[in-house]
Amino acid sequence: MLQNRVRELRARFQLSQSDLGKKIDATRQTVGMIEKGDYSPSVALALKISMVFELPLEEVFWLEEEKND
C-alpha cells in the first residue's frame, strides 16, 4: 500500500489543501484523498507534490507491504 507524508508536509509548509492543489494542478478533494490514502497519485502528480516540498519522491511517498492475517 502506498503511504505518504503529504498531510504532515503540507502543515509544515502552512498550505491548505486548496493551496497545494493549485500548486500541483489538482483539486482540494484529490489532495484530501491522497492524504487519507484513498487515492494513489500518478507518478507525474507524485513528482509535482515532492517538488513543492523540495524533497526526493521517496521521502514523501513509499510502499508499505500489506499484512496477510
PDB file of N, CA and C in Angstrom:
ATOM      1  N   MET A   1       0.838  -1.173   0.000  1.00  0.00           N
ATOM      2  CA  MET A   1       0.000   0.000   0.000  1.00  0.00           C
ATOM      3  C   MET A   1       0.892   1.248   0.000  1.00  0.00           C
ATOM      4  N   LEU A   2       0.497   2.216  -0.791  1.00  0.00           N
ATOM      5  CA  LEU A   2       1.263   3.453  -0.892  1.00  0.00           C
ATOM      6  C   LEU A   2       0.997   4.329   0.326  1.00  0.00           C
ATOM      7  N   GLN A   3       2.051   4.717   1.029  1.00  0.00           N
ATOM      8  CA  GLN A   3       1.965   5.587   2.195  1.00  0.00           C
ATOM      9  C   GLN A   3       2.555   6.946   1.823  1.00  0.00           C
ATOM     10  N   ASN A   4       2.198   7.984   2.591  1.00  0.00           N
ATOM     11  CA  ASN A   4       2.737   9.306   2.282  1.00  0.00           C
ATOM     12  C   ASN A   4       2.772  10.206   3.503  1.00  0.00           C
ATOM     13  N   ARG A   5       3.518  11.293   3.371  1.00  0.00           N
ATOM     14  CA  ARG A   5       3.662  12.321   4.412  1.00  0.00           C
ATOM     15  C   ARG A   5       3.064  13.652   3.957  1.00  0.00           C
ATOM     16  N   VAL A   6       2.143  13.612   3.027  1.00  0.00           N
ATOM     17  CA  VAL A   6       1.630  14.842   2.432  1.00  0.00           C
ATOM     18  C   VAL A   6       0.975  15.731   3.481  1.00  0.00           C
ATOM     19  N   ARG A   7       0.127  15.177   4.346  1.00  0.00           N
ATOM     20  CA  ARG A   7      -0.561  15.997   5.356  1.00  0.00           C
ATOM     21  C   ARG A   7       0.458  16.676   6.272  1.00  0.00           C
ATOM     22  N   GLU A   8       1.435  15.906   6.741  1.00  0.00           N
ATOM     23  CA  GLU A   8       2.477  16.446   7.628  1.00  0.00           C
ATOM     24  C   GLU A   8       3.256  17.565   6.947  1.00  0.00           C
ATOM     25  N   LEU A   9       3.678  17.325   5.713  1.00  0.00           N
ATOM     26  CA  LEU A   9       4.471  18.312   4.990  1.00  0.00           C
ATOM     27  C   LEU A   9       3.650  19.546   4.638  1.00  0.00           C
ATOM     28  N   ARG A  10       2.402  19.333   4.270  1.00  0.00           N
ATOM     29  CA  ARG A  10       1.532  20.460   3.946  1.00  0.00           C
ATOM     30  C   ARG A  10       1.372  21.377   5.160  1.00  0.00           C
ATOM     31  N   ALA A  11       1.216  20.772   6.336  1.00  0.00           N
ATOM     32  CA  ALA A  11       1.093  21.559   7.568  1.00  0.00           C
ATOM     33  C   ALA A  11       2.391  22.312   7.857  1.00  0.00           C
ATOM     34  N   ARG A  12       3.521  21.645   7.658  1.00  0.00           N
ATOM     35  CA  ARG A  12       4.815  22.280   7.909  1.00  0.00           C
ATOM     36  C   ARG A  12       5.015  23.492   6.998  1.00  0.00           C
ATOM     37  N   PHE A  13       4.541  23.380   5.765  1.00  0.00           N
ATOM     38  CA  PHE A  13       4.688  24.471   4.799  1.00  0.00           C
ATOM     39  C   PHE A  13       3.526  25.466   4.885  1.00  0.00           C
ATOM     40  N   GLN A  14       2.626  25.243   5.832  1.00  0.00           N
ATOM     41  CA  GLN A  14       1.467  26.111   6.062  1.00  0.00           C
ATOM     42  C   GLN A  14       0.630  26.298   4.803  1.00  0.00           C
ATOM     43  N   LEU A  15       0.328  25.186   4.149  1.00  0.00           N
ATOM     44  CA  LEU A  15      -0.502  25.198   2.951  1.00  0.00           C
ATOM     45  C   LEU A  15      -1.838  24.532   3.260  1.00  0.00           C
ATOM     46  N   SER A  16      -2.916  25.089   2.759  1.00  0.00           N
ATOM     47  CA  SER A  16      -4.204  24.405   2.838  1.00  0.00           C
ATOM     48  C   SER A  16      -4.236  23.344   1.727  1.00  0.00           C
ATOM     49  N   GLN A  17      -5.234  22.480   1.789  1.00  0.00           N
ATOM     50  CA  GLN A  17      -5.380  21.504   0.714  1.00  0.00           C
ATOM     51  C   GLN A  17      -5.603  22.212  -0.618  1.00  0.00           C
ATOM     52  N   SER A  18      -6.355  23.300  -0.580  1.00  0.00           N
ATOM     53  CA  SER A  18      -6.599  24.080  -1.808  1.00  0.00           C
ATOM     54  C   SER A  18      -5.315  24.708  -2.333  1.00  0.00           C
ATOM     55  N   ASP A  19      -4.501  25.249  -1.418  1.00  0.00           N
ATOM     56  CA  ASP A  19      -3.225  25.855  -1.829  1.00  0.00           C
ATOM     57  C   ASP A  19      -2.340  24.830  -2.529  1.00  0.00           C
ATOM     58  N   LEU A  20      -2.206  23.646  -1.913  1.00  0.00           N
ATOM     59  CA  LEU A  20      -1.379  22.608  -2.521  1.00  0.00           C
ATOM     60  C   LEU A  20      -1.975  22.173  -3.846  1.00  0.00           C
ATOM     61  N   GLY A  21      -3.284  22.027  -3.885  1.00  0.00           N
ATOM     62  CA  GLY A  21      -3.948  21.643  -5.127  1.00  0.00           C
ATOM     63  C   GLY A  21      -3.633  22.595  -6.272  1.00  0.00           C
ATOM     64  N   LYS A  22      -3.651  23.888  -5.989  1.00  0.00           N
ATOM     65  CA  LYS A  22      -3.339  24.884  -7.020  1.00  0.00           C
ATOM     66  C   LYS A  22      -1.903  24.741  -7.510  1.00  0.00           C
ATOM     67  N   LYS A  23      -0.990  24.442  -6.591  1.00  0.00           N
ATOM     68  CA  LYS A  23       0.422  24.314  -6.962  1.00  0.00           C
ATOM     69  C   LYS A  23       0.687  23.079  -7.825  1.00  0.00           C
ATOM     70  N   ILE A  24      -0.140  22.036  -7.658  1.00  0.00           N
ATOM     71  CA  ILE A  24       0.087  20.781  -8.393  1.00  0.00           C
ATOM     72  C   ILE A  24      -0.969  20.537  -9.466  1.00  0.00           C
ATOM     73  N   ASP A  25      -1.846  21.530  -9.686  1.00  0.00           N
ATOM     74  CA  ASP A  25      -2.912  21.437 -10.681  1.00  0.00           C
ATOM     75  C   ASP A  25      -3.849  20.261 -10.381  1.00  0.00           C
ATOM     76  N   ALA A  26      -4.325  20.226  -9.122  1.00  0.00           N
ATOM     77  CA  ALA A  26      -5.275  19.198  -8.689  1.00  0.00           C
ATOM     78  C   ALA A  26      -6.315  19.860  -7.796  1.00  0.00           C
ATOM     79  N   THR A  27      -7.390  19.158  -7.506  1.00  0.00           N
ATOM     80  CA  THR A  27      -8.425  19.716  -6.648  1.00  0.00           C
ATOM     81  C   THR A  27      -8.099  19.491  -5.177  1.00  0.00           C
ATOM     82  N   ARG A  28      -8.775  20.253  -4.326  1.00  0.00           N
ATOM     83  CA  ARG A  28      -8.653  20.071  -2.883  1.00  0.00           C
ATOM     84  C   ARG A  28      -9.086  18.655  -2.504  1.00  0.00           C
ATOM     85  N   GLN A  29     -10.119  18.150  -3.173  1.00  0.00           N
ATOM     86  CA  GLN A  29     -10.611  16.809  -2.886  1.00  0.00           C
ATOM     87  C   GLN A  29      -9.555  15.748  -3.195  1.00  0.00           C
ATOM     88  N   THR A  30      -8.827  15.932  -4.287  1.00  0.00           N
ATOM     89  CA  THR A  30      -7.769  14.987  -4.650  1.00  0.00           C
ATOM     90  C   THR A  30      -6.672  14.992  -3.598  1.00  0.00           C
ATOM     91  N   VAL A  31      -6.272  16.176  -3.142  1.00  0.00           N
ATOM     92  CA  VAL A  31      -5.242  16.276  -2.104  1.00  0.00           C
ATOM     93  C   VAL A  31      -5.713  15.553  -0.848  1.00  0.00           C
ATOM     94  N   GLY A  32      -6.969  15.769  -0.451  1.00  0.00           N
ATOM     95  CA  GLY A  32      -7.511  15.101   0.729  1.00  0.00           C
ATOM     96  C   GLY A  32      -7.511  13.592   0.590  1.00  0.00           C
ATOM     97  N   MET A  33      -7.878  13.095  -0.582  1.00  0.00           N
ATOM     98  CA  MET A  33      -7.903  11.646  -0.807  1.00  0.00           C
ATOM     99  C   MET A  33      -6.492  11.057  -0.782  1.00  0.00           C
ATOM    100  N   ILE A  34      -5.518  11.791  -1.315  1.00  0.00           N
ATOM    101  CA  ILE A  34      -4.124  11.331  -1.267  1.00  0.00           C
ATOM    102  C   ILE A  34      -3.664  11.258   0.184  1.00  0.00           C
ATOM    103  N   GLU A  35      -3.966  12.285   0.962  1.00  0.00           N
ATOM    104  CA  GLU A  35      -3.552  12.316   2.367  1.00  0.00           C
ATOM    105  C   GLU A  35      -4.131  11.150   3.156  1.00  0.00           C
ATOM    106  N   LYS A  36      -5.376  10.798   2.881  1.00  0.00           N
ATOM    107  CA  LYS A  36      -6.032   9.702   3.600  1.00  0.00           C
ATOM    108  C   LYS A  36      -5.635   8.323   3.074  1.00  0.00           C
ATOM    109  N   GLY A  37      -4.952   8.291   1.938  1.00  0.00           N
ATOM    110  CA  GLY A  37      -4.571   7.017   1.347  1.00  0.00           C
ATOM    111  C   GLY A  37      -5.669   6.388   0.521  1.00  0.00           C
ATOM    112  N   ASP A  38      -6.704   7.171   0.206  1.00  0.00           N
ATOM    113  CA  ASP A  38      -7.811   6.669  -0.605  1.00  0.00           C
ATOM    114  C   ASP A  38      -7.536   6.772  -2.103  1.00  0.00           C
ATOM    115  N   TYR A  39      -6.458   7.453  -2.462  1.00  0.00           N
ATOM    116  CA  TYR A  39      -6.127   7.667  -3.874  1.00  0.00           C
ATOM    117  C   TYR A  39      -4.614   7.645  -4.021  1.00  0.00           C
ATOM    118  N   SER A  40      -4.135   6.837  -4.956  1.00  0.00           N
ATOM    119  CA  SER A  40      -2.704   6.798  -5.268  1.00  0.00           C
ATOM    120  C   SER A  40      -2.458   7.698  -6.474  1.00  0.00           C
ATOM    121  N   PRO A  41      -1.664   8.739  -6.302  1.00  0.00           N
ATOM    122  CA  PRO A  41      -1.441   9.670  -7.403  1.00  0.00           C
ATOM    123  C   PRO A  41      -0.611   9.042  -8.520  1.00  0.00           C
ATOM    124  N   SER A  42      -0.747   9.604  -9.694  1.00  0.00           N
ATOM    125  CA  SER A  42       0.109   9.194 -10.805  1.00  0.00           C
ATOM    126  C   SER A  42       1.547   9.560 -10.467  1.00  0.00           C
ATOM    127  N   VAL A  43       2.472   9.007 -11.206  1.00  0.00           N
ATOM    128  CA  VAL A  43       3.878   9.342 -10.984  1.00  0.00           C
ATOM    129  C   VAL A  43       4.094  10.834 -11.194  1.00  0.00           C
ATOM    130  N   ALA A  44       3.491  11.397 -12.233  1.00  0.00           N
ATOM    131  CA  ALA A  44       3.659  12.824 -12.512  1.00  0.00           C
ATOM    132  C   ALA A  44       3.132  13.673 -11.363  1.00  0.00           C
ATOM    133  N   LEU A  45       1.969  13.323 -10.818  1.00  0.00           N
ATOM    134  CA  LEU A  45       1.398  14.077  -9.715  1.00  0.00           C
ATOM    135  C   LEU A  45       2.234  13.921  -8.448  1.00  0.00           C
ATOM    136  N   ALA A  46       2.706  12.716  -8.183  1.00  0.00           N
ATOM    137  CA  ALA A  46       3.566  12.487  -7.017  1.00  0.00           C
ATOM    138  C   ALA A  46       4.857  13.301  -7.135  1.00  0.00           C
ATOM    139  N   LEU A  47       5.409  13.389  -8.341  1.00  0.00           N
ATOM    140  CA  LEU A  47       6.616  14.189  -8.548  1.00  0.00           C
ATOM    141  C   LEU A  47       6.345  15.670  -8.322  1.00  0.00           C
ATOM    142  N   LYS A  48       5.197  16.152  -8.785  1.00  0.00           N
ATOM    143  CA  LYS A  48       4.844  17.562  -8.556  1.00  0.00           C
ATOM    144  C   LYS A  48       4.748  17.845  -7.064  1.00  0.00           C
ATOM    145  N   ILE A  49       4.133  16.931  -6.315  1.00  0.00           N
ATOM    146  CA  ILE A  49       3.994  17.118  -4.870  1.00  0.00           C
ATOM    147  C   ILE A  49       5.367  17.165  -4.214  1.00  0.00           C
ATOM    148  N   SER A  50       6.240  16.230  -4.573  1.00  0.00           N
ATOM    149  CA  SER A  50       7.571  16.205  -3.967  1.00  0.00           C
ATOM    150  C   SER A  50       8.367  17.457  -4.332  1.00  0.00           C
ATOM    151  N   MET A  51       8.144  17.999  -5.522  1.00  0.00           N
ATOM    152  CA  MET A  51       8.837  19.220  -5.927  1.00  0.00           C
ATOM    153  C   MET A  51       8.370  20.425  -5.105  1.00  0.00           C
ATOM    154  N   VAL A  52       7.077  20.481  -4.777  1.00  0.00           N
ATOM    155  CA  VAL A  52       6.567  21.574  -3.941  1.00  0.00           C
ATOM    156  C   VAL A  52       7.286  21.580  -2.600  1.00  0.00           C
ATOM    157  N   PHE A  53       7.498  20.388  -2.034  1.00  0.00           N
ATOM    158  CA  PHE A  53       8.148  20.276  -0.727  1.00  0.00           C
ATOM    159  C   PHE A  53       9.671  20.197  -0.822  1.00  0.00           C
ATOM    160  N   GLU A  54      10.193  20.256  -2.033  1.00  0.00           N
ATOM    161  CA  GLU A  54      11.635  20.214  -2.289  1.00  0.00           C
ATOM    162  C   GLU A  54      12.302  19.010  -1.616  1.00  0.00           C
ATOM    163  N   LEU A  55      11.654  17.848  -1.790  1.00  0.00           N
ATOM    164  CA  LEU A  55      12.157  16.600  -1.227  1.00  0.00           C
ATOM    165  C   LEU A  55      12.175  15.533  -2.308  1.00  0.00           C
ATOM    166  N   PRO A  56      13.065  14.548  -2.161  1.00  0.00           N
ATOM    167  CA  PRO A  56      13.035  13.421  -3.090  1.00  0.00           C
ATOM    168  C   PRO A  56      11.703  12.681  -2.963  1.00  0.00           C
ATOM    169  N   LEU A  57      11.251  12.118  -4.041  1.00  0.00           N
ATOM    170  CA  LEU A  57       9.979  11.410  -4.082  1.00  0.00           C
ATOM    171  C   LEU A  57       9.845  10.391  -2.947  1.00  0.00           C
ATOM    172  N   GLU A  58      10.909   9.631  -2.698  1.00  0.00           N
ATOM    173  CA  GLU A  58      10.842   8.557  -1.697  1.00  0.00           C
ATOM    174  C   GLU A  58      10.765   9.077  -0.263  1.00  0.00           C
ATOM    175  N   GLU A  59      10.966  10.375  -0.059  1.00  0.00           N
ATOM    176  CA  GLU A  59      10.786  10.948   1.276  1.00  0.00           C
ATOM    177  C   GLU A  59       9.355  11.443   1.491  1.00  0.00           C
ATOM    178  N   VAL A  60       8.575  11.440   0.429  1.00  0.00           N
ATOM    179  CA  VAL A  60       7.179  11.838   0.521  1.00  0.00           C
ATOM    180  C   VAL A  60       6.265  10.618   0.389  1.00  0.00           C
ATOM    181  N   PHE A  61       6.617   9.709  -0.506  1.00  0.00           N
ATOM    182  CA  PHE A  61       5.814   8.502  -0.763  1.00  0.00           C
ATOM    183  C   PHE A  61       6.683   7.265  -0.615  1.00  0.00           C
ATOM    184  N   TRP A  62       6.089   6.183  -0.114  1.00  0.00           N
ATOM    185  CA  TRP A  62       6.790   4.900  -0.033  1.00  0.00           C
ATOM    186  C   TRP A  62       5.758   3.779  -0.014  1.00  0.00           C
ATOM    187  N   LEU A  63       6.218   2.591  -0.388  1.00  0.00           N
ATOM    188  CA  LEU A  63       5.356   1.411  -0.368  1.00  0.00           C
ATOM    189  C   LEU A  63       5.515   0.678   0.949  1.00  0.00           C
ATOM    190  N   GLU A  64       4.391   0.297   1.522  1.00  0.00           N
ATOM    191  CA  GLU A  64       4.401  -0.491   2.745  1.00  0.00           C
ATOM    192  C   GLU A  64       3.677  -1.792   2.438  1.00  0.00           C
ATOM    193  N   GLU A  65       4.319  -2.907   2.788  1.00  0.00           N
ATOM    194  CA  GLU A  65       3.697  -4.193   2.497  1.00  0.00           C
ATOM    195  C   GLU A  65       2.430  -4.372   3.305  1.00  0.00           C
ATOM    196  N   GLU A  66       1.421  -4.940   2.642  1.00  0.00           N
ATOM    197  CA  GLU A  66       0.182  -5.254   3.340  1.00  0.00           C
ATOM    198  C   GLU A  66       0.354  -6.543   4.112  1.00  0.00           C
ATOM    199  N   LYS A  67      -0.182  -6.574   5.307  1.00  0.00           N
ATOM    200  CA  LYS A  67      -0.076  -7.756   6.156  1.00  0.00           C
ATOM    201  C   LYS A  67      -1.198  -8.721   5.828  1.00  0.00           C
ATOM    202  N   ASN A  68      -0.857  -9.953   5.622  1.00  0.00           N
ATOM    203  CA  ASN A  68      -1.850 -11.005   5.373  1.00  0.00           C
ATOM    204  C   ASN A  68      -2.097 -11.758   6.668  1.00  0.00           C
ATOM    205  N   ASP A  69      -3.240 -11.531   7.269  1.00  0.00           N
ATOM    206  CA  ASP A  69      -3.553 -12.217   8.529  1.00  0.00           C
ATOM    207  C   ASP A  69      -4.228 -13.536   8.289  1.00  0.00           C
TER     208      ASP A  69
END
